[in-house]
């Protein structure tokens, strides 16, 4: 997914697979059993560089917005 931001903090709890996240010049790997906390406003990017699909539970507030360049903003239901 291209670099984008969130207007509110969100937490991703990994269930399976592996995710690579880039935030503030840091690269983080998140695997099953781990979690990723994304703060509001700073841009971040995520990618699945593994053959196994990445699955996670996303925890965030209702109405949170995620503007993604070239797409309509995602608004959490």
PDB file of N, CA and C in Angstrom:
ATOM      1  N   UNK A   1       0.856  -1.162   0.000  1.00  0.00           N
ATOM      2  CA  UNK A   1       0.000   0.000   0.000  1.00  0.00           C
ATOM      3  C   UNK A   1       0.913   1.239   0.000  1.00  0.00           C
ATOM      4  N   UNK A   2       0.575   2.249  -0.788  1.00  0.00           N
ATOM      5  CA  UNK A   2       1.432   3.430  -0.863  1.00  0.00           C
ATOM      6  C   UNK A   2       1.435   4.194   0.465  1.00  0.00           C
ATOM      7  N   UNK A   3       2.434   5.064   0.646  1.00  0.00           N
ATOM      8  CA  UNK A   3       2.456   5.868   1.876  1.00  0.00           C
ATOM      9  C   UNK A   3       1.141   6.633   2.045  1.00  0.00           C
ATOM     10  N   UNK A   4       0.612   6.589   3.239  1.00  0.00           N
ATOM     11  CA  UNK A   4      -0.616   7.309   3.580  1.00  0.00           C
ATOM     12  C   UNK A   4      -0.597   7.584   5.074  1.00  0.00           C
ATOM     13  N   UNK A   5      -1.629   8.201   5.585  1.00  0.00           N
ATOM     14  CA  UNK A   5      -1.668   8.542   7.010  1.00  0.00           C
ATOM     15  C   UNK A   5      -3.053   8.228   7.569  1.00  0.00           C
ATOM     16  N   UNK A   6      -3.160   8.331   8.858  1.00  0.00           N
ATOM     17  CA  UNK A   6      -4.422   8.126   9.564  1.00  0.00           C
ATOM     18  C   UNK A   6      -4.736   9.388  10.344  1.00  0.00           C
ATOM     19  N   UNK A   7      -6.013   9.671  10.536  1.00  0.00           N
ATOM     20  CA  UNK A   7      -6.331  10.851  11.344  1.00  0.00           C
ATOM     21  C   UNK A   7      -6.492  10.506  12.825  1.00  0.00           C
ATOM     22  N   UNK A   8      -6.426   9.203  13.152  1.00  0.00           N
ATOM     23  CA  UNK A   8      -6.504   8.745  14.543  1.00  0.00           C
ATOM     24  C   UNK A   8      -5.616   7.511  14.679  1.00  0.00           C
ATOM     25  N   UNK A   9      -5.157   7.243  15.887  1.00  0.00           N
ATOM     26  CA  UNK A   9      -4.304   6.082  16.127  1.00  0.00           C
ATOM     27  C   UNK A   9      -5.038   4.779  15.821  1.00  0.00           C
ATOM     28  N   UNK A  10      -4.314   3.811  15.259  1.00  0.00           N
ATOM     29  CA  UNK A  10      -4.876   2.483  15.013  1.00  0.00           C
ATOM     30  C   UNK A  10      -3.859   1.431  15.424  1.00  0.00           C
ATOM     31  N   UNK A  11      -4.352   0.254  15.766  1.00  0.00           N
ATOM     32  CA  UNK A  11      -3.511  -0.863  16.174  1.00  0.00           C
ATOM     33  C   UNK A  11      -3.860  -2.048  15.282  1.00  0.00           C
ATOM     34  N   UNK A  12      -2.840  -2.712  14.770  1.00  0.00           N
ATOM     35  CA  UNK A  12      -3.004  -3.912  13.961  1.00  0.00           C
ATOM     36  C   UNK A  12      -2.391  -5.072  14.741  1.00  0.00           C
ATOM     37  N   UNK A  13      -3.184  -6.086  15.052  1.00  0.00           N
ATOM     38  CA  UNK A  13      -2.697  -7.279  15.744  1.00  0.00           C
ATOM     39  C   UNK A  13      -2.613  -8.387  14.707  1.00  0.00           C
ATOM     40  N   UNK A  14      -1.399  -8.866  14.445  1.00  0.00           N
ATOM     41  CA  UNK A  14      -1.154  -9.850  13.394  1.00  0.00           C
ATOM     42  C   UNK A  14      -1.641 -11.233  13.803  1.00  0.00           C
ATOM     43  N   UNK A  15      -2.387 -11.862  12.902  1.00  0.00           N
ATOM     44  CA  UNK A  15      -2.907 -13.205  13.144  1.00  0.00           C
ATOM     45  C   UNK A  15      -2.103 -14.235  12.346  1.00  0.00           C
ATOM     46  N   UNK A  16      -1.761 -13.897  11.095  1.00  0.00           N
ATOM     47  CA  UNK A  16      -0.943 -14.798  10.292  1.00  0.00           C
ATOM     48  C   UNK A  16      -0.150 -13.987   9.275  1.00  0.00           C
ATOM     49  N   UNK A  17       0.918 -14.600   8.762  1.00  0.00           N
ATOM     50  CA  UNK A  17       1.751 -13.946   7.768  1.00  0.00           C
ATOM     51  C   UNK A  17       2.733 -12.967   8.389  1.00  0.00           C
ATOM     52  N   UNK A  18       3.291 -12.143   7.533  1.00  0.00           N
ATOM     53  CA  UNK A  18       4.303 -11.167   7.948  1.00  0.00           C
ATOM     54  C   UNK A  18       4.086  -9.872   7.162  1.00  0.00           C
ATOM     55  N   UNK A  19       4.214  -8.760   7.837  1.00  0.00           N
ATOM     56  CA  UNK A  19       4.017  -7.439   7.247  1.00  0.00           C
ATOM     57  C   UNK A  19       5.262  -6.604   7.485  1.00  0.00           C
ATOM     58  N   UNK A  20       5.643  -5.820   6.501  1.00  0.00           N
ATOM     59  CA  UNK A  20       6.717  -4.847   6.667  1.00  0.00           C
ATOM     60  C   UNK A  20       6.084  -3.464   6.652  1.00  0.00           C
ATOM     61  N   UNK A  21       6.369  -2.675   7.671  1.00  0.00           N
ATOM     62  CA  UNK A  21       5.845  -1.309   7.764  1.00  0.00           C
ATOM     63  C   UNK A  21       7.011  -0.328   7.774  1.00  0.00           C
ATOM     64  N   UNK A  22       6.838   0.787   7.080  1.00  0.00           N
ATOM     65  CA  UNK A  22       7.837   1.845   7.068  1.00  0.00           C
ATOM     66  C   UNK A  22       7.193   3.095   7.654  1.00  0.00           C
ATOM     67  N   UNK A  23       7.805   3.604   8.734  1.00  0.00           N
ATOM     68  CA  UNK A  23       7.311   4.811   9.405  1.00  0.00           C
ATOM     69  C   UNK A  23       8.497   5.627   9.873  1.00  0.00           C
ATOM     70  N   UNK A  24       8.499   6.919   9.563  1.00  0.00           N
ATOM     71  CA  UNK A  24       9.560   7.813  10.038  1.00  0.00           C
ATOM     72  C   UNK A  24      10.949   7.224   9.836  1.00  0.00           C
ATOM     73  N   UNK A  25      11.260   6.790   8.618  1.00  0.00           N
ATOM     74  CA  UNK A  25      12.572   6.227   8.266  1.00  0.00           C
ATOM     75  C   UNK A  25      12.918   4.944   9.006  1.00  0.00           C
ATOM     76  N   UNK A  26      11.979   4.326   9.691  1.00  0.00           N
ATOM     77  CA  UNK A  26      12.201   3.039  10.363  1.00  0.00           C
ATOM     78  C   UNK A  26      11.425   1.966   9.613  1.00  0.00           C
ATOM     79  N   UNK A  27      12.012   0.777   9.509  1.00  0.00           N
ATOM     80  CA  UNK A  27      11.342  -0.357   8.906  1.00  0.00           C
ATOM     81  C   UNK A  27      11.080  -1.379   9.993  1.00  0.00           C
ATOM     82  N   UNK A  28       9.820  -1.797  10.103  1.00  0.00           N
ATOM     83  CA  UNK A  28       9.417  -2.731  11.147  1.00  0.00           C
ATOM     84  C   UNK A  28       8.810  -3.969  10.520  1.00  0.00           C
ATOM     85  N   UNK A  29       9.145  -5.142  11.045  1.00  0.00           N
ATOM     86  CA  UNK A  29       8.526  -6.393  10.617  1.00  0.00           C
ATOM     87  C   UNK A  29       7.545  -6.816  11.695  1.00  0.00           C
ATOM     88  N   UNK A  30       6.345  -7.178  11.254  1.00  0.00           N
ATOM     89  CA  UNK A  30       5.304  -7.629  12.180  1.00  0.00           C
ATOM     90  C   UNK A  30       4.870  -9.017  11.731  1.00  0.00           C
ATOM     91  N   UNK A  31       4.977  -9.986  12.632  1.00  0.00           N
ATOM     92  CA  UNK A  31       4.592 -11.362  12.318  1.00  0.00           C
ATOM     93  C   UNK A  31       3.446 -11.777  13.230  1.00  0.00           C
ATOM     94  N   UNK A  32       2.861 -12.939  12.937  1.00  0.00           N
ATOM     95  CA  UNK A  32       1.752 -13.466  13.733  1.00  0.00           C
ATOM     96  C   UNK A  32       2.093 -13.413  15.213  1.00  0.00           C
ATOM     97  N   UNK A  33       1.169 -12.883  15.998  1.00  0.00           N
ATOM     98  CA  UNK A  33       1.371 -12.710  17.436  1.00  0.00           C
ATOM     99  C   UNK A  33       1.899 -11.337  17.805  1.00  0.00           C
ATOM    100  N   UNK A  34       2.343 -10.571  16.826  1.00  0.00           N
ATOM    101  CA  UNK A  34       2.856  -9.221  17.076  1.00  0.00           C
ATOM    102  C   UNK A  34       1.803  -8.168  16.796  1.00  0.00           C
ATOM    103  N   UNK A  35       2.182  -6.927  17.028  1.00  0.00           N
ATOM    104  CA  UNK A  35       1.252  -5.820  16.809  1.00  0.00           C
ATOM    105  C   UNK A  35       1.993  -4.623  16.242  1.00  0.00           C
ATOM    106  N   UNK A  36       1.261  -3.793  15.535  1.00  0.00           N
ATOM    107  CA  UNK A  36       1.778  -2.554  14.980  1.00  0.00           C
ATOM    108  C   UNK A  36       0.869  -1.431  15.446  1.00  0.00           C
ATOM    109  N   UNK A  37       1.441  -0.431  16.074  1.00  0.00           N
ATOM    110  CA  UNK A  37       0.678   0.752  16.495  1.00  0.00           C
ATOM    111  C   UNK A  37       1.050   1.883  15.551  1.00  0.00           C
ATOM    112  N   UNK A  38       0.050   2.442  14.893  1.00  0.00           N
ATOM    113  CA  UNK A  38       0.267   3.537  13.955  1.00  0.00           C
ATOM    114  C   UNK A  38      -0.348   4.792  14.558  1.00  0.00           C
ATOM    115  N   UNK A  39       0.489   5.792  14.770  1.00  0.00           N
ATOM    116  CA  UNK A  39       0.017   7.054  15.344  1.00  0.00           C
ATOM    117  C   UNK A  39      -0.702   7.889  14.297  1.00  0.00           C
ATOM    118  N   UNK A  40      -1.507   8.797  14.737  1.00  0.00           N
ATOM    119  CA  UNK A  40      -2.212   9.708  13.839  1.00  0.00           C
ATOM    120  C   UNK A  40      -1.224  10.668  13.178  1.00  0.00           C
ATOM    121  N   UNK A  41      -1.444  10.957  11.918  1.00  0.00           N
ATOM    122  CA  UNK A  41      -0.782  11.961  11.096  1.00  0.00           C
ATOM    123  C   UNK A  41       0.495  11.536  10.370  1.00  0.00           C
ATOM    124  N   UNK A  42       1.534  10.978  11.019  1.00  0.00           N
ATOM    125  CA  UNK A  42       2.737  10.687  10.220  1.00  0.00           C
ATOM    126  C   UNK A  42       2.447   9.666   9.123  1.00  0.00           C
ATOM    127  N   UNK A  43       3.000   9.874   7.921  1.00  0.00           N
ATOM    128  CA  UNK A  43       2.793   8.918   6.851  1.00  0.00           C
ATOM    129  C   UNK A  43       3.474   7.580   7.155  1.00  0.00           C
ATOM    130  N   UNK A  44       2.871   6.514   6.662  1.00  0.00           N
ATOM    131  CA  UNK A  44       3.449   5.180   6.802  1.00  0.00           C
ATOM    132  C   UNK A  44       3.059   4.360   5.569  1.00  0.00           C
ATOM    133  N   UNK A  45       3.806   3.292   5.331  1.00  0.00           N
ATOM    134  CA  UNK A  45       3.502   2.387   4.226  1.00  0.00           C
ATOM    135  C   UNK A  45       3.595   0.963   4.753  1.00  0.00           C
ATOM    136  N   UNK A  46       2.782   0.072   4.193  1.00  0.00           N
ATOM    137  CA  UNK A  46       2.809  -1.333   4.590  1.00  0.00           C
ATOM    138  C   UNK A  46       2.906  -2.199   3.346  1.00  0.00           C
ATOM    139  N   UNK A  47       3.563  -3.364   3.500  1.00  0.00           N
ATOM    140  CA  UNK A  47       3.706  -4.292   2.384  1.00  0.00           C
ATOM    141  C   UNK A  47       3.825  -5.711   2.918  1.00  0.00           C
ATOM    142  N   UNK A  48       3.245  -6.640   2.191  1.00  0.00           N
ATOM    143  CA  UNK A  48       3.400  -8.058   2.499  1.00  0.00           C
ATOM    144  C   UNK A  48       4.467  -8.584   1.559  1.00  0.00           C
ATOM    145  N   UNK A  49       5.643  -8.878   2.075  1.00  0.00           N
ATOM    146  CA  UNK A  49       6.750  -9.363   1.252  1.00  0.00           C
ATOM    147  C   UNK A  49       6.917 -10.881   1.389  1.00  0.00           C
ATOM    148  N   UNK A  50       5.896 -11.544   1.904  1.00  0.00           N
ATOM    149  CA  UNK A  50       5.936 -12.976   2.164  1.00  0.00           C
ATOM    150  C   UNK A  50       4.906 -13.673   1.284  1.00  0.00           C
ATOM    151  N   UNK A  51       5.104 -14.955   1.011  1.00  0.00           N
ATOM    152  CA  UNK A  51       4.144 -15.716   0.202  1.00  0.00           C
ATOM    153  C   UNK A  51       2.841 -15.966   0.961  1.00  0.00           C
ATOM    154  N   UNK A  52       2.898 -15.970   2.289  1.00  0.00           N
ATOM    155  CA  UNK A  52       1.709 -16.193   3.111  1.00  0.00           C
ATOM    156  C   UNK A  52       0.908 -14.903   3.212  1.00  0.00           C
ATOM    157  N   UNK A  53      -0.400 -14.949   2.988  1.00  0.00           N
ATOM    158  CA  UNK A  53      -1.210 -13.734   3.156  1.00  0.00           C
ATOM    159  C   UNK A  53      -1.106 -13.204   4.589  1.00  0.00           C
ATOM    160  N   UNK A  54      -1.082 -11.893   4.712  1.00  0.00           N
ATOM    161  CA  UNK A  54      -1.062 -11.254   6.034  1.00  0.00           C
ATOM    162  C   UNK A  54      -2.497 -11.021   6.467  1.00  0.00           C
ATOM    163  N   UNK A  55      -2.820 -11.469   7.686  1.00  0.00           N
ATOM    164  CA  UNK A  55      -4.139 -11.233   8.261  1.00  0.00           C
ATOM    165  C   UNK A  55      -3.947 -10.587   9.629  1.00  0.00           C
ATOM    166  N   UNK A  56      -4.793  -9.617   9.931  1.00  0.00           N
ATOM    167  CA  UNK A  56      -4.691  -8.912  11.205  1.00  0.00           C
ATOM    168  C   UNK A  56      -6.061  -8.428  11.644  1.00  0.00           C
ATOM    169  N   UNK A  57      -6.168  -8.166  12.914  1.00  0.00           N
ATOM    170  CA  UNK A  57      -7.329  -7.487  13.465  1.00  0.00           C
ATOM    171  C   UNK A  57      -6.926  -6.023  13.591  1.00  0.00           C
ATOM    172  N   UNK A  58      -7.734  -5.149  13.022  1.00  0.00           N
ATOM    173  CA  UNK A  58      -7.455  -3.713  13.088  1.00  0.00           C
ATOM    174  C   UNK A  58      -8.340  -3.107  14.169  1.00  0.00           C
ATOM    175  N   UNK A  59      -7.722  -2.355  15.051  1.00  0.00           N
ATOM    176  CA  UNK A  59      -8.458  -1.719  16.138  1.00  0.00           C
ATOM    177  C   UNK A  59      -8.321  -0.208  15.969  1.00  0.00           C
ATOM    178  N   UNK A  60      -9.447   0.442  15.763  1.00  0.00           N
ATOM    179  CA  UNK A  60      -9.433   1.880  15.574  1.00  0.00           C
ATOM    180  C   UNK A  60     -10.819   2.443  15.811  1.00  0.00           C
ATOM    181  N   UNK A  61     -10.920   3.752  15.918  1.00  0.00           N
ATOM    182  CA  UNK A  61     -12.209   4.372  16.203  1.00  0.00           C
ATOM    183  C   UNK A  61     -13.129   4.414  14.985  1.00  0.00           C
ATOM    184  N   UNK A  62     -14.401   4.320  15.244  1.00  0.00           N
ATOM    185  CA  UNK A  62     -15.402   4.486  14.193  1.00  0.00           C
ATOM    186  C   UNK A  62     -15.246   5.892  13.620  1.00  0.00           C
ATOM    187  N   UNK A  63     -15.300   5.990  12.301  1.00  0.00           N
ATOM    188  CA  UNK A  63     -15.192   7.298  11.655  1.00  0.00           C
ATOM    189  C   UNK A  63     -13.775   7.729  11.370  1.00  0.00           C
ATOM    190  N   UNK A  64     -12.785   6.912  11.760  1.00  0.00           N
ATOM    191  CA  UNK A  64     -11.394   7.262  11.458  1.00  0.00           C
ATOM    192  C   UNK A  64     -11.187   7.313   9.954  1.00  0.00           C
ATOM    193  N   UNK A  65     -10.404   8.277   9.499  1.00  0.00           N
ATOM    194  CA  UNK A  65     -10.180   8.472   8.065  1.00  0.00           C
ATOM    195  C   UNK A  65      -8.733   8.154   7.709  1.00  0.00           C
ATOM    196  N   UNK A  66      -8.587   7.562   6.528  1.00  0.00           N
ATOM    197  CA  UNK A  66      -7.270   7.256   6.009  1.00  0.00           C
ATOM    198  C   UNK A  66      -7.190   7.739   4.571  1.00  0.00           C
ATOM    199  N   UNK A  67      -6.649   8.945   4.366  1.00  0.00           N
ATOM    200  CA  UNK A  67      -6.505   9.420   2.988  1.00  0.00           C
ATOM    201  C   UNK A  67      -5.363   8.680   2.294  1.00  0.00           C
ATOM    202  N   UNK A  68      -5.661   8.049   1.152  1.00  0.00           N
ATOM    203  CA  UNK A  68      -4.668   7.312   0.380  1.00  0.00           C
ATOM    204  C   UNK A  68      -4.540   8.007  -0.974  1.00  0.00           C
ATOM    205  N   UNK A  69      -3.325   8.432  -1.348  1.00  0.00           N
ATOM    206  CA  UNK A  69      -3.160   9.159  -2.611  1.00  0.00           C
ATOM    207  C   UNK A  69      -3.757   8.403  -3.797  1.00  0.00           C
ATOM    208  N   UNK A  70      -4.519   9.123  -4.613  1.00  0.00           N
ATOM    209  CA  UNK A  70      -5.108   8.554  -5.809  1.00  0.00           C
ATOM    210  C   UNK A  70      -6.368   7.738  -5.582  1.00  0.00           C
ATOM    211  N   UNK A  71      -6.835   7.670  -4.344  1.00  0.00           N
ATOM    212  CA  UNK A  71      -8.052   6.914  -4.017  1.00  0.00           C
ATOM    213  C   UNK A  71      -8.939   7.766  -3.114  1.00  0.00           C
ATOM    214  N   UNK A  72     -10.226   7.443  -3.077  1.00  0.00           N
ATOM    215  CA  UNK A  72     -11.065   8.132  -2.095  1.00  0.00           C
ATOM    216  C   UNK A  72     -10.607   7.750  -0.685  1.00  0.00           C
ATOM    217  N   UNK A  73     -10.722   8.628   0.295  1.00  0.00           N
ATOM    218  CA  UNK A  73     -10.297   8.260   1.654  1.00  0.00           C
ATOM    219  C   UNK A  73     -11.124   7.112   2.197  1.00  0.00           C
ATOM    220  N   UNK A  74     -10.448   6.215   2.905  1.00  0.00           N
ATOM    221  CA  UNK A  74     -11.154   5.126   3.574  1.00  0.00           C
ATOM    222  C   UNK A  74     -11.679   5.679   4.894  1.00  0.00           C
ATOM    223  N   UNK A  75     -12.954   5.438   5.184  1.00  0.00           N
ATOM    224  CA  UNK A  75     -13.558   5.871   6.441  1.00  0.00           C
ATOM    225  C   UNK A  75     -14.037   4.627   7.170  1.00  0.00           C
ATOM    226  N   UNK A  76     -13.513   4.406   8.380  1.00  0.00           N
ATOM    227  CA  UNK A  76     -13.865   3.208   9.149  1.00  0.00           C
ATOM    228  C   UNK A  76     -15.349   3.210   9.488  1.00  0.00           C
ATOM    229  N   UNK A  77     -16.013   2.066   9.240  1.00  0.00           N
ATOM    230  CA  UNK A  77     -17.444   1.987   9.529  1.00  0.00           C
ATOM    231  C   UNK A  77     -17.718   1.935  11.036  1.00  0.00           C
TER     232      UNK A  77
END
